[in-house]
Amino acid sequence: VISPQGMPSWDEFAGGVRSVLDQVRRDYAGQNVLLVSSGGPISTAVGHVLGTTPETTIELNLRIRNSALTEFVFTPKRHMLLTFNTLPHLEGKEHAEWITSA
């Protein structure tokens, strides 16, 4: 149910994220896929894969650094987390001040 403010409920939002993960697993087996998103869907995907509570998922969202990478591995039956919140493109002292959180 969409709230009067036009925002989906938690269950709708999380269901949409799960649907995308399922679609990637189903339609792109064996391929690399790049999804670009904000922290909410990223933390929701991580929370789904790890089986966290909504409260823990929100805490994950608050820890995501701007431009961080999160990687998943998909098999025909499951999603797995490979990396979370990494910044390999900002390694090195010259980029230290570029690292920020939302």
PDB file of N, CA and C in Angstrom:
ATOM      1  N   VAL A   1       0.852  -1.180   0.000  1.00  0.00           N
ATOM      2  CA  VAL A   1       0.000   0.000   0.000  1.00  0.00           C
ATOM      3  C   VAL A   1       0.894   1.237   0.000  1.00  0.00           C
ATOM      4  N   ILE A   2       0.624   2.150  -0.908  1.00  0.00           N
ATOM      5  CA  ILE A   2       1.387   3.393  -0.997  1.00  0.00           C
ATOM      6  C   ILE A   2       0.793   4.382   0.003  1.00  0.00           C
ATOM      7  N   SER A   3       1.647   5.032   0.763  1.00  0.00           N
ATOM      8  CA  SER A   3       1.181   5.978   1.767  1.00  0.00           C
ATOM      9  C   SER A   3       0.643   7.235   1.090  1.00  0.00           C
ATOM     10  N   PRO A   4      -0.056   8.067   1.849  1.00  0.00           N
ATOM     11  CA  PRO A   4      -0.578   9.325   1.275  1.00  0.00           C
ATOM     12  C   PRO A   4       0.535  10.219   0.728  1.00  0.00           C
ATOM     13  N   GLN A   5       1.738  10.085   1.235  1.00  0.00           N
ATOM     14  CA  GLN A   5       2.859  10.887   0.761  1.00  0.00           C
ATOM     15  C   GLN A   5       3.471  10.310  -0.512  1.00  0.00           C
ATOM     16  N   GLY A   6       2.928   9.205  -1.016  1.00  0.00           N
ATOM     17  CA  GLY A   6       3.436   8.601  -2.233  1.00  0.00           C
ATOM     18  C   GLY A   6       4.613   7.669  -2.029  1.00  0.00           C
ATOM     19  N   MET A   7       4.925   7.350  -0.791  1.00  0.00           N
ATOM     20  CA  MET A   7       6.044   6.465  -0.491  1.00  0.00           C
ATOM     21  C   MET A   7       5.545   5.033  -0.344  1.00  0.00           C
ATOM     22  N   PRO A   8       6.284   4.078  -0.908  1.00  0.00           N
ATOM     23  CA  PRO A   8       5.868   2.683  -0.723  1.00  0.00           C
ATOM     24  C   PRO A   8       6.107   2.236   0.720  1.00  0.00           C
ATOM     25  N   SER A   9       5.374   1.225   1.129  1.00  0.00           N
ATOM     26  CA  SER A   9       5.613   0.628   2.443  1.00  0.00           C
ATOM     27  C   SER A   9       6.963  -0.097   2.408  1.00  0.00           C
ATOM     28  N   TRP A  10       7.478  -0.446   3.586  1.00  0.00           N
ATOM     29  CA  TRP A  10       8.734  -1.194   3.653  1.00  0.00           C
ATOM     30  C   TRP A  10       8.630  -2.493   2.858  1.00  0.00           C
ATOM     31  N   ASP A  11       7.537  -3.209   3.030  1.00  0.00           N
ATOM     32  CA  ASP A  11       7.367  -4.488   2.337  1.00  0.00           C
ATOM     33  C   ASP A  11       7.365  -4.307   0.818  1.00  0.00           C
ATOM     34  N   GLU A  12       6.725  -3.250   0.328  1.00  0.00           N
ATOM     35  CA  GLU A  12       6.734  -2.977  -1.114  1.00  0.00           C
ATOM     36  C   GLU A  12       8.128  -2.616  -1.602  1.00  0.00           C
ATOM     37  N   PHE A  13       8.807  -1.775  -0.864  1.00  0.00           N
ATOM     38  CA  PHE A  13      10.154  -1.355  -1.236  1.00  0.00           C
ATOM     39  C   PHE A  13      11.096  -2.554  -1.260  1.00  0.00           C
ATOM     40  N   ALA A  14      11.107  -3.330  -0.185  1.00  0.00           N
ATOM     41  CA  ALA A  14      11.984  -4.501  -0.099  1.00  0.00           C
ATOM     42  C   ALA A  14      11.604  -5.529  -1.161  1.00  0.00           C
ATOM     43  N   GLY A  15      10.321  -5.684  -1.438  1.00  0.00           N
ATOM     44  CA  GLY A  15       9.880  -6.599  -2.478  1.00  0.00           C
ATOM     45  C   GLY A  15      10.372  -6.189  -3.854  1.00  0.00           C
ATOM     46  N   GLY A  16      10.400  -4.896  -4.116  1.00  0.00           N
ATOM     47  CA  GLY A  16      10.931  -4.407  -5.385  1.00  0.00           C
ATOM     48  C   GLY A  16      12.407  -4.708  -5.537  1.00  0.00           C
ATOM     49  N   VAL A  17      13.167  -4.535  -4.466  1.00  0.00           N
ATOM     50  CA  VAL A  17      14.603  -4.842  -4.495  1.00  0.00           C
ATOM     51  C   VAL A  17      14.807  -6.339  -4.719  1.00  0.00           C
ATOM     52  N   ARG A  18      14.072  -7.161  -3.996  1.00  0.00           N
ATOM     53  CA  ARG A  18      14.181  -8.619  -4.187  1.00  0.00           C
ATOM     54  C   ARG A  18      13.832  -9.010  -5.615  1.00  0.00           C
ATOM     55  N   SER A  19      12.834  -8.359  -6.187  1.00  0.00           N
ATOM     56  CA  SER A  19      12.427  -8.649  -7.558  1.00  0.00           C
ATOM     57  C   SER A  19      13.564  -8.371  -8.544  1.00  0.00           C
ATOM     58  N   VAL A  20      14.271  -7.285  -8.343  1.00  0.00           N
ATOM     59  CA  VAL A  20      15.408  -6.964  -9.218  1.00  0.00           C
ATOM     60  C   VAL A  20      16.510  -7.999  -9.054  1.00  0.00           C
ATOM     61  N   LEU A  21      16.819  -8.379  -7.826  1.00  0.00           N
ATOM     62  CA  LEU A  21      17.835  -9.409  -7.603  1.00  0.00           C
ATOM     63  C   LEU A  21      17.447 -10.718  -8.289  1.00  0.00           C
ATOM     64  N   ASP A  22      16.188 -11.091  -8.161  1.00  0.00           N
ATOM     65  CA  ASP A  22      15.714 -12.321  -8.800  1.00  0.00           C
ATOM     66  C   ASP A  22      15.802 -12.222 -10.318  1.00  0.00           C
ATOM     67  N   GLN A  23      15.475 -11.063 -10.866  1.00  0.00           N
ATOM     68  CA  GLN A  23      15.536 -10.871 -12.313  1.00  0.00           C
ATOM     69  C   GLN A  23      16.982 -10.976 -12.814  1.00  0.00           C
ATOM     70  N   VAL A  24      17.905 -10.371 -12.104  1.00  0.00           N
ATOM     71  CA  VAL A  24      19.314 -10.467 -12.498  1.00  0.00           C
ATOM     72  C   VAL A  24      19.759 -11.919 -12.464  1.00  0.00           C
ATOM     73  N   ARG A  25      19.426 -12.620 -11.402  1.00  0.00           N
ATOM     74  CA  ARG A  25      19.819 -14.035 -11.281  1.00  0.00           C
ATOM     75  C   ARG A  25      19.213 -14.871 -12.408  1.00  0.00           C
ATOM     76  N   ARG A  26      17.983 -14.606 -12.739  1.00  0.00           N
ATOM     77  CA  ARG A  26      17.267 -15.379 -13.756  1.00  0.00           C
ATOM     78  C   ARG A  26      17.707 -15.017 -15.185  1.00  0.00           C
ATOM     79  N   ASP A  27      17.814 -13.721 -15.476  1.00  0.00           N
ATOM     80  CA  ASP A  27      18.011 -13.274 -16.856  1.00  0.00           C
ATOM     81  C   ASP A  27      19.464 -13.057 -17.264  1.00  0.00           C
ATOM     82  N   TYR A  28      20.373 -12.997 -16.301  1.00  0.00           N
ATOM     83  CA  TYR A  28      21.758 -12.676 -16.633  1.00  0.00           C
ATOM     84  C   TYR A  28      22.743 -13.680 -16.045  1.00  0.00           C
ATOM     85  N   ALA A  29      22.346 -14.918 -15.975  1.00  0.00           N
ATOM     86  CA  ALA A  29      23.198 -15.974 -15.403  1.00  0.00           C
ATOM     87  C   ALA A  29      24.545 -16.005 -16.115  1.00  0.00           C
ATOM     88  N   GLY A  30      25.609 -16.031 -15.338  1.00  0.00           N
ATOM     89  CA  GLY A  30      26.961 -16.125 -15.879  1.00  0.00           C
ATOM     90  C   GLY A  30      27.514 -14.833 -16.436  1.00  0.00           C
ATOM     91  N   GLN A  31      26.781 -13.734 -16.304  1.00  0.00           N
ATOM     92  CA  GLN A  31      27.229 -12.448 -16.830  1.00  0.00           C
ATOM     93  C   GLN A  31      27.537 -11.487 -15.694  1.00  0.00           C
ATOM     94  N   ASN A  32      28.328 -10.482 -15.987  1.00  0.00           N
ATOM     95  CA  ASN A  32      28.541  -9.385 -15.051  1.00  0.00           C
ATOM     96  C   ASN A  32      27.473  -8.337 -15.317  1.00  0.00           C
ATOM     97  N   VAL A  33      26.872  -7.824 -14.252  1.00  0.00           N
ATOM     98  CA  VAL A  33      25.818  -6.827 -14.359  1.00  0.00           C
ATOM     99  C   VAL A  33      26.175  -5.669 -13.444  1.00  0.00           C
ATOM    100  N   LEU A  34      26.067  -4.460 -13.950  1.00  0.00           N
ATOM    101  CA  LEU A  34      26.294  -3.272 -13.147  1.00  0.00           C
ATOM    102  C   LEU A  34      24.955  -2.632 -12.834  1.00  0.00           C
ATOM    103  N   LEU A  35      24.656  -2.490 -11.553  1.00  0.00           N
ATOM    104  CA  LEU A  35      23.473  -1.770 -11.098  1.00  0.00           C
ATOM    105  C   LEU A  35      23.968  -0.562 -10.317  1.00  0.00           C
ATOM    106  N   VAL A  36      23.460   0.592 -10.628  1.00  0.00           N
ATOM    107  CA  VAL A  36      23.847   1.817  -9.933  1.00  0.00           C
ATOM    108  C   VAL A  36      22.644   2.292  -9.146  1.00  0.00           C
ATOM    109  N   SER A  37      22.860   2.559  -7.860  1.00  0.00           N
ATOM    110  CA  SER A  37      21.732   2.918  -7.017  1.00  0.00           C
ATOM    111  C   SER A  37      22.200   3.755  -5.836  1.00  0.00           C
ATOM    112  N   SER A  38      21.245   4.120  -5.038  1.00  0.00           N
ATOM    113  CA  SER A  38      21.527   4.831  -3.785  1.00  0.00           C
ATOM    114  C   SER A  38      21.601   3.824  -2.641  1.00  0.00           C
ATOM    115  N   GLY A  39      21.881   4.329  -1.461  1.00  0.00           N
ATOM    116  CA  GLY A  39      22.093   3.465  -0.308  1.00  0.00           C
ATOM    117  C   GLY A  39      20.906   2.635   0.114  1.00  0.00           C
ATOM    118  N   GLY A  40      19.689   3.149  -0.045  1.00  0.00           N
ATOM    119  CA  GLY A  40      18.511   2.400   0.391  1.00  0.00           C
ATOM    120  C   GLY A  40      18.371   1.054  -0.304  1.00  0.00           C
ATOM    121  N   PRO A  41      18.348   1.030  -1.634  1.00  0.00           N
ATOM    122  CA  PRO A  41      18.265  -0.265  -2.317  1.00  0.00           C
ATOM    123  C   PRO A  41      19.497  -1.139  -2.097  1.00  0.00           C
ATOM    124  N   ILE A  42      20.662  -0.525  -2.000  1.00  0.00           N
ATOM    125  CA  ILE A  42      21.877  -1.323  -1.768  1.00  0.00           C
ATOM    126  C   ILE A  42      21.802  -2.011  -0.411  1.00  0.00           C
ATOM    127  N   SER A  43      21.497  -1.258   0.631  1.00  0.00           N
ATOM    128  CA  SER A  43      21.430  -1.867   1.961  1.00  0.00           C
ATOM    129  C   SER A  43      20.288  -2.877   2.042  1.00  0.00           C
ATOM    130  N   THR A  44      19.194  -2.634   1.322  1.00  0.00           N
ATOM    131  CA  THR A  44      18.083  -3.578   1.318  1.00  0.00           C
ATOM    132  C   THR A  44      18.492  -4.878   0.641  1.00  0.00           C
ATOM    133  N   ALA A  45      19.245  -4.788  -0.451  1.00  0.00           N
ATOM    134  CA  ALA A  45      19.743  -5.995  -1.121  1.00  0.00           C
ATOM    135  C   ALA A  45      20.685  -6.762  -0.201  1.00  0.00           C
ATOM    136  N   VAL A  46      21.593  -6.048   0.460  1.00  0.00           N
ATOM    137  CA  VAL A  46      22.522  -6.701   1.394  1.00  0.00           C
ATOM    138  C   VAL A  46      21.745  -7.335   2.542  1.00  0.00           C
ATOM    139  N   GLY A  47      20.785  -6.605   3.094  1.00  0.00           N
ATOM    140  CA  GLY A  47      19.976  -7.136   4.187  1.00  0.00           C
ATOM    141  C   GLY A  47      19.202  -8.377   3.773  1.00  0.00           C
ATOM    142  N   HIS A  48      18.694  -8.372   2.553  1.00  0.00           N
ATOM    143  CA  HIS A  48      17.972  -9.549   2.056  1.00  0.00           C
ATOM    144  C   HIS A  48      18.900 -10.752   1.972  1.00  0.00           C
ATOM    145  N   VAL A  49      20.062 -10.549   1.380  1.00  0.00           N
ATOM    146  CA  VAL A  49      21.013 -11.656   1.210  1.00  0.00           C
ATOM    147  C   VAL A  49      21.487 -12.193   2.554  1.00  0.00           C
ATOM    148  N   LEU A  50      21.691 -11.299   3.522  1.00  0.00           N
ATOM    149  CA  LEU A  50      22.178 -11.718   4.844  1.00  0.00           C
ATOM    150  C   LEU A  50      21.057 -12.088   5.807  1.00  0.00           C
ATOM    151  N   GLY A  51      19.819 -11.808   5.438  1.00  0.00           N
ATOM    152  CA  GLY A  51      18.691 -12.144   6.305  1.00  0.00           C
ATOM    153  C   GLY A  51      18.574 -11.247   7.525  1.00  0.00           C
ATOM    154  N   THR A  52      18.885  -9.961   7.376  1.00  0.00           N
ATOM    155  CA  THR A  52      18.832  -9.055   8.521  1.00  0.00           C
ATOM    156  C   THR A  52      17.418  -8.524   8.734  1.00  0.00           C
ATOM    157  N   THR A  53      17.200  -7.957   9.888  1.00  0.00           N
ATOM    158  CA  THR A  53      15.933  -7.300  10.199  1.00  0.00           C
ATOM    159  C   THR A  53      15.874  -5.959   9.479  1.00  0.00           C
ATOM    160  N   PRO A  54      14.683  -5.386   9.317  1.00  0.00           N
ATOM    161  CA  PRO A  54      14.605  -4.040   8.724  1.00  0.00           C
ATOM    162  C   PRO A  54      15.446  -3.010   9.487  1.00  0.00           C
ATOM    163  N   GLU A  55      15.489  -3.120  10.792  1.00  0.00           N
ATOM    164  CA  GLU A  55      16.267  -2.167  11.590  1.00  0.00           C
ATOM    165  C   GLU A  55      17.764  -2.281  11.282  1.00  0.00           C
ATOM    166  N   THR A  56      18.262  -3.490  11.150  1.00  0.00           N
ATOM    167  CA  THR A  56      19.671  -3.693  10.816  1.00  0.00           C
ATOM    168  C   THR A  56      19.950  -3.221   9.397  1.00  0.00           C
ATOM    169  N   THR A  57      19.017  -3.445   8.505  1.00  0.00           N
ATOM    170  CA  THR A  57      19.167  -2.978   7.129  1.00  0.00           C
ATOM    171  C   THR A  57      19.298  -1.462   7.093  1.00  0.00           C
ATOM    172  N   ILE A  58      18.517  -0.764   7.887  1.00  0.00           N
ATOM    173  CA  ILE A  58      18.611   0.700   7.964  1.00  0.00           C
ATOM    174  C   ILE A  58      19.977   1.106   8.511  1.00  0.00           C
ATOM    175  N   GLU A  59      20.470   0.394   9.505  1.00  0.00           N
ATOM    176  CA  GLU A  59      21.804   0.679  10.032  1.00  0.00           C
ATOM    177  C   GLU A  59      22.872   0.475   8.959  1.00  0.00           C
ATOM    178  N   LEU A  60      22.727  -0.558   8.127  1.00  0.00           N
ATOM    179  CA  LEU A  60      23.661  -0.764   7.022  1.00  0.00           C
ATOM    180  C   LEU A  60      23.652   0.439   6.089  1.00  0.00           C
ATOM    181  N   ASN A  61      22.470   0.947   5.807  1.00  0.00           N
ATOM    182  CA  ASN A  61      22.342   2.102   4.926  1.00  0.00           C
ATOM    183  C   ASN A  61      23.111   3.301   5.469  1.00  0.00           C
ATOM    184  N   LEU A  62      23.085   3.487   6.761  1.00  0.00           N
ATOM    185  CA  LEU A  62      23.767   4.630   7.369  1.00  0.00           C
ATOM    186  C   LEU A  62      25.289   4.492   7.338  1.00  0.00           C
ATOM    187  N   ARG A  63      25.784   3.310   7.034  1.00  0.00           N
ATOM    188  CA  ARG A  63      27.232   3.065   6.987  1.00  0.00           C
ATOM    189  C   ARG A  63      27.809   3.125   5.570  1.00  0.00           C
ATOM    190  N   ILE A  64      26.958   3.184   4.550  1.00  0.00           N
ATOM    191  CA  ILE A  64      27.445   3.155   3.180  1.00  0.00           C
ATOM    192  C   ILE A  64      28.159   4.459   2.843  1.00  0.00           C
ATOM    193  N   ARG A  65      29.358   4.317   2.310  1.00  0.00           N
ATOM    194  CA  ARG A  65      30.155   5.476   1.916  1.00  0.00           C
ATOM    195  C   ARG A  65      29.805   5.861   0.480  1.00  0.00           C
ATOM    196  N   ASN A  66      29.877   7.155   0.193  1.00  0.00           N
ATOM    197  CA  ASN A  66      29.557   7.628  -1.149  1.00  0.00           C
ATOM    198  C   ASN A  66      30.497   6.999  -2.176  1.00  0.00           C
ATOM    199  N   SER A  67      29.951   6.529  -3.237  1.00  0.00           N
ATOM    200  CA  SER A  67      30.595   5.865  -4.381  1.00  0.00           C
ATOM    201  C   SER A  67      31.160   4.490  -4.049  1.00  0.00           C
ATOM    202  N   ALA A  68      30.768   3.916  -2.913  1.00  0.00           N
ATOM    203  CA  ALA A  68      31.250   2.583  -2.531  1.00  0.00           C
ATOM    204  C   ALA A  68      30.676   1.506  -3.453  1.00  0.00           C
ATOM    205  N   LEU A  69      31.414   0.416  -3.554  1.00  0.00           N
ATOM    206  CA  LEU A  69      30.999  -0.721  -4.365  1.00  0.00           C
ATOM    207  C   LEU A  69      30.554  -1.864  -3.463  1.00  0.00           C
ATOM    208  N   THR A  70      29.496  -2.525  -3.872  1.00  0.00           N
ATOM    209  CA  THR A  70      29.026  -3.736  -3.223  1.00  0.00           C
ATOM    210  C   THR A  70      28.869  -4.775  -4.319  1.00  0.00           C
ATOM    211  N   GLU A  71      29.389  -5.975  -4.084  1.00  0.00           N
ATOM    212  CA  GLU A  71      29.344  -7.022  -5.096  1.00  0.00           C
ATOM    213  C   GLU A  71      28.574  -8.230  -4.580  1.00  0.00           C
ATOM    214  N   PHE A  72      27.768  -8.796  -5.478  1.00  0.00           N
ATOM    215  CA  PHE A  72      27.028 -10.009  -5.198  1.00  0.00           C
ATOM    216  C   PHE A  72      27.446 -11.082  -6.185  1.00  0.00           C
ATOM    217  N   VAL A  73      27.299 -12.318  -5.773  1.00  0.00           N
ATOM    218  CA  VAL A  73      27.477 -13.475  -6.645  1.00  0.00           C
ATOM    219  C   VAL A  73      26.138 -14.188  -6.673  1.00  0.00           C
ATOM    220  N   PHE A  74      25.734 -14.604  -7.858  1.00  0.00           N
ATOM    221  CA  PHE A  74      24.456 -15.276  -8.024  1.00  0.00           C
ATOM    222  C   PHE A  74      24.679 -16.689  -8.524  1.00  0.00           C
ATOM    223  N   THR A  75      23.952 -17.621  -7.961  1.00  0.00           N
ATOM    224  CA  THR A  75      23.885 -18.986  -8.480  1.00  0.00           C
ATOM    225  C   THR A  75      22.433 -19.208  -8.879  1.00  0.00           C
ATOM    226  N   PRO A  76      22.128 -20.292  -9.548  1.00  0.00           N
ATOM    227  CA  PRO A  76      20.724 -20.507  -9.922  1.00  0.00           C
ATOM    228  C   PRO A  76      19.762 -20.512  -8.736  1.00  0.00           C
ATOM    229  N   LYS A  77      20.255 -20.804  -7.544  1.00  0.00           N
ATOM    230  CA  LYS A  77      19.360 -20.927  -6.393  1.00  0.00           C
ATOM    231  C   LYS A  77      19.490 -19.820  -5.356  1.00  0.00           C
ATOM    232  N   ARG A  78      20.576 -19.032  -5.389  1.00  0.00           N
ATOM    233  CA  ARG A  78      20.729 -18.063  -4.303  1.00  0.00           C
ATOM    234  C   ARG A  78      21.567 -16.870  -4.696  1.00  0.00           C
ATOM    235  N   HIS A  79      21.456 -15.842  -3.845  1.00  0.00           N
ATOM    236  CA  HIS A  79      22.280 -14.643  -3.929  1.00  0.00           C
ATOM    237  C   HIS A  79      23.295 -14.720  -2.793  1.00  0.00           C
ATOM    238  N   MET A  80      24.519 -14.275  -3.049  1.00  0.00           N
ATOM    239  CA  MET A  80      25.547 -14.254  -2.005  1.00  0.00           C
ATOM    240  C   MET A  80      26.268 -12.910  -2.042  1.00  0.00           C
ATOM    241  N   LEU A  81      26.640 -12.401  -0.885  1.00  0.00           N
ATOM    242  CA  LEU A  81      27.388 -11.156  -0.781  1.00  0.00           C
ATOM    243  C   LEU A  81      28.869 -11.451  -0.934  1.00  0.00           C
ATOM    244  N   LEU A  82      29.539 -10.748  -1.863  1.00  0.00           N
ATOM    245  CA  LEU A  82      30.975 -10.904  -2.057  1.00  0.00           C
ATOM    246  C   LEU A  82      31.732  -9.786  -1.352  1.00  0.00           C
ATOM    247  N   THR A  83      31.352  -8.528  -1.598  1.00  0.00           N
ATOM    248  CA  THR A  83      31.968  -7.393  -0.907  1.00  0.00           C
ATOM    249  C   THR A  83      30.879  -6.390  -0.546  1.00  0.00           C
ATOM    250  N   PHE A  84      31.153  -5.570   0.459  1.00  0.00           N
ATOM    251  CA  PHE A  84      30.214  -4.529   0.877  1.00  0.00           C
ATOM    252  C   PHE A  84      30.983  -3.262   1.198  1.00  0.00           C
ATOM    253  N   ASN A  85      30.552  -2.149   0.571  1.00  0.00           N
ATOM    254  CA  ASN A  85      31.023  -0.831   0.978  1.00  0.00           C
ATOM    255  C   ASN A  85      32.522  -0.627   0.737  1.00  0.00           C
ATOM    256  N   THR A  86      33.043  -1.170  -0.357  1.00  0.00           N
ATOM    257  CA  THR A  86      34.468  -1.035  -0.647  1.00  0.00           C
ATOM    258  C   THR A  86      34.732   0.175  -1.543  1.00  0.00           C
ATOM    259  N   LEU A  87      35.951   0.679  -1.485  1.00  0.00           N
ATOM    260  CA  LEU A  87      36.342   1.856  -2.262  1.00  0.00           C
ATOM    261  C   LEU A  87      37.670   1.622  -2.994  1.00  0.00           C
ATOM    262  N   PRO A  88      37.789   0.581  -3.789  1.00  0.00           N
ATOM    263  CA  PRO A  88      39.073   0.316  -4.441  1.00  0.00           C
ATOM    264  C   PRO A  88      39.498   1.431  -5.394  1.00  0.00           C
ATOM    265  N   HIS A  89      38.555   2.170  -5.934  1.00  0.00           N
ATOM    266  CA  HIS A  89      38.852   3.261  -6.851  1.00  0.00           C
ATOM    267  C   HIS A  89      39.361   4.513  -6.135  1.00  0.00           C
ATOM    268  N   LEU A  90      39.298   4.514  -4.813  1.00  0.00           N
ATOM    269  CA  LEU A  90      39.787   5.656  -4.036  1.00  0.00           C
ATOM    270  C   LEU A  90      40.955   5.281  -3.129  1.00  0.00           C
ATOM    271  N   GLU A  91      41.608   4.161  -3.428  1.00  0.00           N
ATOM    272  CA  GLU A  91      42.762   3.775  -2.624  1.00  0.00           C
ATOM    273  C   GLU A  91      43.886   4.762  -2.877  1.00  0.00           C
ATOM    274  N   GLY A  92      44.642   5.012  -1.874  1.00  0.00           N
ATOM    275  CA  GLY A  92      45.762   5.933  -1.984  1.00  0.00           C
ATOM    276  C   GLY A  92      45.504   7.203  -1.200  1.00  0.00           C
ATOM    277  N   LYS A  93      46.565   7.733  -0.660  1.00  0.00           N
ATOM    278  CA  LYS A  93      46.466   8.917   0.193  1.00  0.00           C
ATOM    279  C   LYS A  93      45.911  10.130  -0.541  1.00  0.00           C
ATOM    280  N   GLU A  94      46.160  10.211  -1.852  1.00  0.00           N
ATOM    281  CA  GLU A  94      45.694  11.378  -2.601  1.00  0.00           C
ATOM    282  C   GLU A  94      44.172  11.476  -2.674  1.00  0.00           C
ATOM    283  N   HIS A  95      43.474  10.391  -2.381  1.00  0.00           N
ATOM    284  CA  HIS A  95      42.011  10.390  -2.419  1.00  0.00           C
ATOM    285  C   HIS A  95      41.376  10.325  -1.033  1.00  0.00           C
ATOM    286  N   ALA A  96      42.150  10.379   0.011  1.00  0.00           N
ATOM    287  CA  ALA A  96      41.630  10.198   1.376  1.00  0.00           C
ATOM    288  C   ALA A  96      40.509  11.181   1.697  1.00  0.00           C
ATOM    289  N   GLU A  97      40.626  12.401   1.277  1.00  0.00           N
ATOM    290  CA  GLU A  97      39.591  13.402   1.611  1.00  0.00           C
ATOM    291  C   GLU A  97      38.341  13.252   0.753  1.00  0.00           C
ATOM    292  N   TRP A  98      38.393  12.430  -0.262  1.00  0.00           N
ATOM    293  CA  TRP A  98      37.228  12.188  -1.104  1.00  0.00           C
ATOM    294  C   TRP A  98      36.264  11.191  -0.468  1.00  0.00           C
ATOM    295  N   ILE A  99      36.689  10.466   0.539  1.00  0.00           N
ATOM    296  CA  ILE A  99      35.872   9.424   1.154  1.00  0.00           C
ATOM    297  C   ILE A  99      34.897  10.056   2.146  1.00  0.00           C
ATOM    298  N   THR A 100      33.617   9.951   1.815  1.00  0.00           N
ATOM    299  CA  THR A 100      32.566  10.517   2.656  1.00  0.00           C
ATOM    300  C   THR A 100      31.425   9.520   2.782  1.00  0.00           C
ATOM    301  N   SER A 101      30.588   9.758   3.761  1.00  0.00           N
ATOM    302  CA  SER A 101      29.381   8.937   3.941  1.00  0.00           C
ATOM    303  C   SER A 101      28.174   9.815   3.701  1.00  0.00           C
ATOM    304  N   ALA A 102      27.076   9.169   3.367  1.00  0.00           N
ATOM    305  CA  ALA A 102      25.833   9.920   3.099  1.00  0.00           C
ATOM    306  C   ALA A 102      25.353  10.623   4.348  1.00  0.00           C
TER     307      ALA A 102
END
